Amino acid sequence: MRYVLPASLTWWSGLASVLTGIAALVLPEGDAISELTVLVARLANAGDASPATLIFVGLGLIGLRDRIERGLAGTQ
């Protein structure tokens, strides 16, 4: 379970992006969820606020954190 690291801010931002994308996918369309998805997409510097984009960006952030951590541990 090397991908689950609750002490990492990148992990939390990735998880927030994934959960927001899933919420936008399953919840009915509304003003509150639309504004939240736009905000998360802008914070993650994603191109658009579609649920698929938010989920993929979130998974990418979680994987990127792990890859950087393993790369830094290998160079020492």
PDB file of N, CA and C in Angstrom:
ATOM      1  N   MET A   1       0.827  -1.178   0.000  1.00  0.00           N
ATOM      2  CA  MET A   1       0.000   0.000   0.000  1.00  0.00           C
ATOM      3  C   MET A   1       0.877   1.249   0.000  1.00  0.00           C
ATOM      4  N   ARG A   2       1.774   1.324  -0.933  1.00  0.00           N
ATOM      5  CA  ARG A   2       2.677   2.467  -0.969  1.00  0.00           C
ATOM      6  C   ARG A   2       2.016   3.725  -1.530  1.00  0.00           C
ATOM      7  N   TYR A   3       0.862   3.585  -2.137  1.00  0.00           N
ATOM      8  CA  TYR A   3       0.186   4.757  -2.688  1.00  0.00           C
ATOM      9  C   TYR A   3      -0.643   5.501  -1.652  1.00  0.00           C
ATOM     10  N   VAL A   4      -0.947   4.864  -0.531  1.00  0.00           N
ATOM     11  CA  VAL A   4      -1.743   5.509   0.507  1.00  0.00           C
ATOM     12  C   VAL A   4      -0.789   6.124   1.522  1.00  0.00           C
ATOM     13  N   LEU A   5      -0.699   7.446   1.501  1.00  0.00           N
ATOM     14  CA  LEU A   5       0.190   8.166   2.404  1.00  0.00           C
ATOM     15  C   LEU A   5      -0.532   9.425   2.894  1.00  0.00           C
ATOM     16  N   PRO A   6      -1.312   9.286   3.970  1.00  0.00           N
ATOM     17  CA  PRO A   6      -2.114  10.419   4.440  1.00  0.00           C
ATOM     18  C   PRO A   6      -1.308  11.606   4.952  1.00  0.00           C
ATOM     19  N   ALA A   7      -0.007  11.472   5.120  1.00  0.00           N
ATOM     20  CA  ALA A   7       0.813  12.598   5.581  1.00  0.00           C
ATOM     21  C   ALA A   7       1.245  13.499   4.425  1.00  0.00           C
ATOM     22  N   SER A   8       0.926  13.123   3.202  1.00  0.00           N
ATOM     23  CA  SER A   8       1.366  13.876   2.027  1.00  0.00           C
ATOM     24  C   SER A   8       0.263  14.812   1.540  1.00  0.00           C
ATOM     25  N   LEU A   9       0.622  16.069   1.320  1.00  0.00           N
ATOM     26  CA  LEU A   9      -0.332  17.045   0.801  1.00  0.00           C
ATOM     27  C   LEU A   9      -0.717  16.725  -0.641  1.00  0.00           C
ATOM     28  N   THR A  10       0.217  16.200  -1.412  1.00  0.00           N
ATOM     29  CA  THR A  10      -0.089  15.812  -2.793  1.00  0.00           C
ATOM     30  C   THR A  10      -1.096  14.666  -2.814  1.00  0.00           C
ATOM     31  N   TRP A  11      -0.959  13.739  -1.883  1.00  0.00           N
ATOM     32  CA  TRP A  11      -1.912  12.623  -1.801  1.00  0.00           C
ATOM     33  C   TRP A  11      -3.307  13.152  -1.498  1.00  0.00           C
ATOM     34  N   TRP A  12      -3.409  14.087  -0.564  1.00  0.00           N
ATOM     35  CA  TRP A  12      -4.714  14.648  -0.207  1.00  0.00           C
ATOM     36  C   TRP A  12      -5.324  15.441  -1.366  1.00  0.00           C
ATOM     37  N   SER A  13      -4.518  16.181  -2.096  1.00  0.00           N
ATOM     38  CA  SER A  13      -5.066  16.931  -3.221  1.00  0.00           C
ATOM     39  C   SER A  13      -5.514  15.991  -4.337  1.00  0.00           C
ATOM     40  N   GLY A  14      -4.777  14.902  -4.551  1.00  0.00           N
ATOM     41  CA  GLY A  14      -5.201  13.905  -5.523  1.00  0.00           C
ATOM     42  C   GLY A  14      -6.493  13.230  -5.113  1.00  0.00           C
ATOM     43  N   LEU A  15      -6.593  12.890  -3.838  1.00  0.00           N
ATOM     44  CA  LEU A  15      -7.812  12.262  -3.336  1.00  0.00           C
ATOM     45  C   LEU A  15      -9.005  13.207  -3.437  1.00  0.00           C
ATOM     46  N   ALA A  16      -8.800  14.477  -3.126  1.00  0.00           N
ATOM     47  CA  ALA A  16      -9.883  15.455  -3.243  1.00  0.00           C
ATOM     48  C   ALA A  16     -10.348  15.595  -4.689  1.00  0.00           C
ATOM     49  N   SER A  17      -9.409  15.555  -5.614  1.00  0.00           N
ATOM     50  CA  SER A  17      -9.770  15.654  -7.021  1.00  0.00           C
ATOM     51  C   SER A  17     -10.554  14.418  -7.472  1.00  0.00           C
ATOM     52  N   VAL A  18     -10.108  13.246  -7.050  1.00  0.00           N
ATOM     53  CA  VAL A  18     -10.820  12.010  -7.414  1.00  0.00           C
ATOM     54  C   VAL A  18     -12.223  12.011  -6.821  1.00  0.00           C
ATOM     55  N   LEU A  19     -12.346  12.359  -5.553  1.00  0.00           N
ATOM     56  CA  LEU A  19     -13.667  12.356  -4.907  1.00  0.00           C
ATOM     57  C   LEU A  19     -14.604  13.406  -5.507  1.00  0.00           C
ATOM     58  N   THR A  20     -14.069  14.547  -5.876  1.00  0.00           N
ATOM     59  CA  THR A  20     -14.890  15.568  -6.519  1.00  0.00           C
ATOM     60  C   THR A  20     -15.358  15.095  -7.896  1.00  0.00           C
ATOM     61  N   GLY A  21     -14.471  14.435  -8.628  1.00  0.00           N
ATOM     62  CA  GLY A  21     -14.866  13.892  -9.935  1.00  0.00           C
ATOM     63  C   GLY A  21     -15.935  12.825  -9.817  1.00  0.00           C
ATOM     64  N   ILE A  22     -15.813  11.955  -8.815  1.00  0.00           N
ATOM     65  CA  ILE A  22     -16.825  10.914  -8.603  1.00  0.00           C
ATOM     66  C   ILE A  22     -18.146  11.546  -8.175  1.00  0.00           C
ATOM     67  N   ALA A  23     -18.079  12.549  -7.295  1.00  0.00           N
ATOM     68  CA  ALA A  23     -19.308  13.224  -6.861  1.00  0.00           C
ATOM     69  C   ALA A  23     -19.997  13.912  -8.034  1.00  0.00           C
ATOM     70  N   ALA A  24     -19.224  14.527  -8.907  1.00  0.00           N
ATOM     71  CA  ALA A  24     -19.821  15.189 -10.071  1.00  0.00           C
ATOM     72  C   ALA A  24     -20.431  14.174 -11.028  1.00  0.00           C
ATOM     73  N   LEU A  25     -19.890  12.967 -11.017  1.00  0.00           N
ATOM     74  CA  LEU A  25     -20.394  11.931 -11.906  1.00  0.00           C
ATOM     75  C   LEU A  25     -21.702  11.331 -11.408  1.00  0.00           C
ATOM     76  N   VAL A  26     -21.829  11.114 -10.103  1.00  0.00           N
ATOM     77  CA  VAL A  26     -22.995  10.400  -9.584  1.00  0.00           C
ATOM     78  C   VAL A  26     -24.087  11.307  -9.026  1.00  0.00           C
ATOM     79  N   LEU A  27     -23.746  12.501  -8.578  1.00  0.00           N
ATOM     80  CA  LEU A  27     -24.765  13.388  -8.019  1.00  0.00           C
ATOM     81  C   LEU A  27     -25.494  14.129  -9.134  1.00  0.00           C
ATOM     82  N   PRO A  28     -26.722  14.526  -8.870  1.00  0.00           N
ATOM     83  CA  PRO A  28     -27.448  15.293  -9.894  1.00  0.00           C
ATOM     84  C   PRO A  28     -26.796  16.651 -10.130  1.00  0.00           C
ATOM     85  N   GLU A  29     -26.986  17.148 -11.318  1.00  0.00           N
ATOM     86  CA  GLU A  29     -26.400  18.433 -11.718  1.00  0.00           C
ATOM     87  C   GLU A  29     -26.975  19.552 -10.852  1.00  0.00           C
ATOM     88  N   GLY A  30     -26.083  20.368 -10.334  1.00  0.00           N
ATOM     89  CA  GLY A  30     -26.520  21.488  -9.503  1.00  0.00           C
ATOM     90  C   GLY A  30     -25.458  22.566  -9.488  1.00  0.00           C
ATOM     91  N   ASP A  31     -25.821  23.718  -8.965  1.00  0.00           N
ATOM     92  CA  ASP A  31     -24.893  24.846  -8.947  1.00  0.00           C
ATOM     93  C   ASP A  31     -23.720  24.597  -8.005  1.00  0.00           C
ATOM     94  N   ALA A  32     -23.978  23.987  -6.849  1.00  0.00           N
ATOM     95  CA  ALA A  32     -22.923  23.799  -5.847  1.00  0.00           C
ATOM     96  C   ALA A  32     -21.842  22.847  -6.346  1.00  0.00           C
ATOM     97  N   ILE A  33     -22.230  21.733  -6.903  1.00  0.00           N
ATOM     98  CA  ILE A  33     -21.238  20.757  -7.377  1.00  0.00           C
ATOM     99  C   ILE A  33     -20.510  21.277  -8.610  1.00  0.00           C
ATOM    100  N   SER A  34     -21.206  22.062  -9.434  1.00  0.00           N
ATOM    101  CA  SER A  34     -20.552  22.639 -10.612  1.00  0.00           C
ATOM    102  C   SER A  34     -19.475  23.639 -10.208  1.00  0.00           C
ATOM    103  N   GLU A  35     -19.784  24.472  -9.239  1.00  0.00           N
ATOM    104  CA  GLU A  35     -18.796  25.446  -8.761  1.00  0.00           C
ATOM    105  C   GLU A  35     -17.611  24.736  -8.104  1.00  0.00           C
ATOM    106  N   LEU A  36     -17.882  23.668  -7.370  1.00  0.00           N
ATOM    107  CA  LEU A  36     -16.807  22.913  -6.717  1.00  0.00           C
ATOM    108  C   LEU A  36     -15.901  22.246  -7.741  1.00  0.00           C
ATOM    109  N   THR A  37     -16.472  21.667  -8.774  1.00  0.00           N
ATOM    110  CA  THR A  37     -15.643  21.016  -9.786  1.00  0.00           C
ATOM    111  C   THR A  37     -14.795  22.035 -10.550  1.00  0.00           C
ATOM    112  N   VAL A  38     -15.344  23.203 -10.814  1.00  0.00           N
ATOM    113  CA  VAL A  38     -14.562  24.243 -11.488  1.00  0.00           C
ATOM    114  C   VAL A  38     -13.415  24.701 -10.596  1.00  0.00           C
ATOM    115  N   LEU A  39     -13.674  24.870  -9.306  1.00  0.00           N
ATOM    116  CA  LEU A  39     -12.632  25.290  -8.370  1.00  0.00           C
ATOM    117  C   LEU A  39     -11.517  24.259  -8.273  1.00  0.00           C
ATOM    118  N   VAL A  40     -11.873  22.988  -8.133  1.00  0.00           N
ATOM    119  CA  VAL A  40     -10.854  21.933  -8.034  1.00  0.00           C
ATOM    120  C   VAL A  40     -10.075  21.821  -9.335  1.00  0.00           C
ATOM    121  N   ALA A  41     -10.738  21.944 -10.460  1.00  0.00           N
ATOM    122  CA  ALA A  41     -10.043  21.883 -11.742  1.00  0.00           C
ATOM    123  C   ALA A  41      -9.067  23.036 -11.909  1.00  0.00           C
ATOM    124  N   ARG A  42      -9.439  24.209 -11.462  1.00  0.00           N
ATOM    125  CA  ARG A  42      -8.525  25.353 -11.554  1.00  0.00           C
ATOM    126  C   ARG A  42      -7.344  25.196 -10.615  1.00  0.00           C
ATOM    127  N   LEU A  43      -7.584  24.681  -9.410  1.00  0.00           N
ATOM    128  CA  LEU A  43      -6.491  24.466  -8.469  1.00  0.00           C
ATOM    129  C   LEU A  43      -5.515  23.397  -8.959  1.00  0.00           C
ATOM    130  N   ALA A  44      -6.031  22.393  -9.653  1.00  0.00           N
ATOM    131  CA  ALA A  44      -5.182  21.322 -10.178  1.00  0.00           C
ATOM    132  C   ALA A  44      -4.610  21.667 -11.546  1.00  0.00           C
ATOM    133  N   ASN A  45      -4.965  22.828 -12.084  1.00  0.00           N
ATOM    134  CA  ASN A  45      -4.513  23.286 -13.396  1.00  0.00           C
ATOM    135  C   ASN A  45      -4.932  22.312 -14.502  1.00  0.00           C
ATOM    136  N   ALA A  46      -6.135  21.760 -14.344  1.00  0.00           N
ATOM    137  CA  ALA A  46      -6.692  20.863 -15.357  1.00  0.00           C
ATOM    138  C   ALA A  46      -7.333  21.698 -16.462  1.00  0.00           C
ATOM    139  N   GLY A  47      -7.462  21.112 -17.631  1.00  0.00           N
ATOM    140  CA  GLY A  47      -8.008  21.840 -18.763  1.00  0.00           C
ATOM    141  C   GLY A  47      -9.481  22.143 -18.640  1.00  0.00           C
ATOM    142  N   ASP A  48     -10.254  21.188 -18.184  1.00  0.00           N
ATOM    143  CA  ASP A  48     -11.682  21.408 -18.019  1.00  0.00           C
ATOM    144  C   ASP A  48     -12.132  20.763 -16.717  1.00  0.00           C
ATOM    145  N   ALA A  49     -13.398  20.934 -16.396  1.00  0.00           N
ATOM    146  CA  ALA A  49     -13.921  20.451 -15.126  1.00  0.00           C
ATOM    147  C   ALA A  49     -14.798  19.218 -15.299  1.00  0.00           C
ATOM    148  N   SER A  50     -14.532  18.402 -16.308  1.00  0.00           N
ATOM    149  CA  SER A  50     -15.334  17.198 -16.475  1.00  0.00           C
ATOM    150  C   SER A  50     -14.954  16.173 -15.397  1.00  0.00           C
ATOM    151  N   PRO A  51     -15.885  15.305 -15.010  1.00  0.00           N
ATOM    152  CA  PRO A  51     -15.577  14.312 -13.973  1.00  0.00           C
ATOM    153  C   PRO A  51     -14.404  13.405 -14.343  1.00  0.00           C
ATOM    154  N   ALA A  52     -14.322  13.001 -15.595  1.00  0.00           N
ATOM    155  CA  ALA A  52     -13.224  12.126 -16.010  1.00  0.00           C
ATOM    156  C   ALA A  52     -11.873  12.821 -15.867  1.00  0.00           C
ATOM    157  N   THR A  53     -11.819  14.086 -16.223  1.00  0.00           N
ATOM    158  CA  THR A  53     -10.571  14.840 -16.088  1.00  0.00           C
ATOM    159  C   THR A  53     -10.155  14.949 -14.632  1.00  0.00           C
ATOM    160  N   LEU A  54     -11.101  15.238 -13.754  1.00  0.00           N
ATOM    161  CA  LEU A  54     -10.771  15.355 -12.332  1.00  0.00           C
ATOM    162  C   LEU A  54     -10.288  14.035 -11.757  1.00  0.00           C
ATOM    163  N   ILE A  55     -10.900  12.933 -12.149  1.00  0.00           N
ATOM    164  CA  ILE A  55     -10.480  11.626 -11.654  1.00  0.00           C
ATOM    165  C   ILE A  55      -9.077  11.294 -12.154  1.00  0.00           C
ATOM    166  N   PHE A  56      -8.817  11.509 -13.429  1.00  0.00           N
ATOM    167  CA  PHE A  56      -7.494  11.189 -13.976  1.00  0.00           C
ATOM    168  C   PHE A  56      -6.407  12.102 -13.418  1.00  0.00           C
ATOM    169  N   VAL A  57      -6.710  13.375 -13.216  1.00  0.00           N
ATOM    170  CA  VAL A  57      -5.733  14.283 -12.617  1.00  0.00           C
ATOM    171  C   VAL A  57      -5.428  13.860 -11.182  1.00  0.00           C
ATOM    172  N   GLY A  58      -6.454  13.480 -10.443  1.00  0.00           N
ATOM    173  CA  GLY A  58      -6.249  13.031  -9.065  1.00  0.00           C
ATOM    174  C   GLY A  58      -5.409  11.772  -8.992  1.00  0.00           C
ATOM    175  N   LEU A  59      -5.691  10.810  -9.845  1.00  0.00           N
ATOM    176  CA  LEU A  59      -4.884   9.584  -9.864  1.00  0.00           C
ATOM    177  C   LEU A  59      -3.452   9.883 -10.307  1.00  0.00           C
ATOM    178  N   GLY A  60      -3.310  10.831 -11.217  1.00  0.00           N
ATOM    179  CA  GLY A  60      -1.967  11.224 -11.642  1.00  0.00           C
ATOM    180  C   GLY A  60      -1.179  11.873 -10.513  1.00  0.00           C
ATOM    181  N   LEU A  61      -1.833  12.698  -9.709  1.00  0.00           N
ATOM    182  CA  LEU A  61      -1.149  13.321  -8.578  1.00  0.00           C
ATOM    183  C   LEU A  61      -0.701  12.280  -7.556  1.00  0.00           C
ATOM    184  N   ILE A  62      -1.553  11.310  -7.292  1.00  0.00           N
ATOM    185  CA  ILE A  62      -1.192  10.264  -6.341  1.00  0.00           C
ATOM    186  C   ILE A  62      -0.020   9.444  -6.878  1.00  0.00           C
ATOM    187  N   GLY A  63      -0.050   9.094  -8.143  1.00  0.00           N
ATOM    188  CA  GLY A  63       1.050   8.333  -8.739  1.00  0.00           C
ATOM    189  C   GLY A  63       2.323   9.146  -8.858  1.00  0.00           C
ATOM    190  N   LEU A  64       2.194  10.432  -9.145  1.00  0.00           N
ATOM    191  CA  LEU A  64       3.359  11.306  -9.262  1.00  0.00           C
ATOM    192  C   LEU A  64       4.075  11.442  -7.925  1.00  0.00           C
ATOM    193  N   ARG A  65       3.314  11.566  -6.853  1.00  0.00           N
ATOM    194  CA  ARG A  65       3.914  11.658  -5.533  1.00  0.00           C
ATOM    195  C   ARG A  65       4.718  10.413  -5.224  1.00  0.00           C
ATOM    196  N   ASP A  66       4.187   9.257  -5.535  1.00  0.00           N
ATOM    197  CA  ASP A  66       4.892   8.008  -5.275  1.00  0.00           C
ATOM    198  C   ASP A  66       6.145   7.891  -6.136  1.00  0.00           C
ATOM    199  N   ARG A  67       6.045   8.280  -7.381  1.00  0.00           N
ATOM    200  CA  ARG A  67       7.197   8.178  -8.286  1.00  0.00           C
ATOM    201  C   ARG A  67       8.328   9.117  -7.864  1.00  0.00           C
ATOM    202  N   ILE A  68       7.986  10.322  -7.488  1.00  0.00           N
ATOM    203  CA  ILE A  68       9.009  11.261  -7.028  1.00  0.00           C
ATOM    204  C   ILE A  68       9.658  10.757  -5.746  1.00  0.00           C
ATOM    205  N   GLU A  69       8.854  10.228  -4.840  1.00  0.00           N
ATOM    206  CA  GLU A  69       9.404   9.715  -3.590  1.00  0.00           C
ATOM    207  C   GLU A  69      10.341   8.531  -3.832  1.00  0.00           C
ATOM    208  N   ARG A  70       9.980   7.618  -4.737  1.00  0.00           N
ATOM    209  CA  ARG A  70      10.848   6.490  -5.039  1.00  0.00           C
ATOM    210  C   ARG A  70      12.101   6.941  -5.783  1.00  0.00           C
ATOM    211  N   GLY A  71      11.987   7.959  -6.644  1.00  0.00           N
ATOM    212  CA  GLY A  71      13.146   8.465  -7.370  1.00  0.00           C
ATOM    213  C   GLY A  71      14.152   9.141  -6.447  1.00  0.00           C
ATOM    214  N   LEU A  72      13.634   9.890  -5.477  1.00  0.00           N
ATOM    215  CA  LEU A  72      14.537  10.543  -4.526  1.00  0.00           C
ATOM    216  C   LEU A  72      15.183   9.547  -3.591  1.00  0.00           C
ATOM    217  N   ALA A  73      14.474   8.491  -3.225  1.00  0.00           N
ATOM    218  CA  ALA A  73      15.043   7.476  -2.342  1.00  0.00           C
ATOM    219  C   ALA A  73      16.115   6.672  -3.078  1.00  0.00           C
ATOM    220  N   GLY A  74      15.994   6.533  -4.381  1.00  0.00           N
ATOM    221  CA  GLY A  74      16.977   5.755  -5.161  1.00  0.00           C
ATOM    222  C   GLY A  74      18.260   6.498  -5.416  1.00  0.00           C
ATOM    223  N   THR A  75      18.254   7.817  -5.356  1.00  0.00           N
ATOM    224  CA  THR A  75      19.467   8.591  -5.653  1.00  0.00           C
ATOM    225  C   THR A  75      20.358   8.803  -4.436  1.00  0.00           C
ATOM    226  N   GLN A  76      19.842   8.474  -3.275  1.00  0.00           N
ATOM    227  CA  GLN A  76      20.633   8.698  -2.051  1.00  0.00           C
ATOM    228  C   GLN A  76      21.564   7.559  -1.772  1.00  0.00           C
TER     229      GLN A  76
END
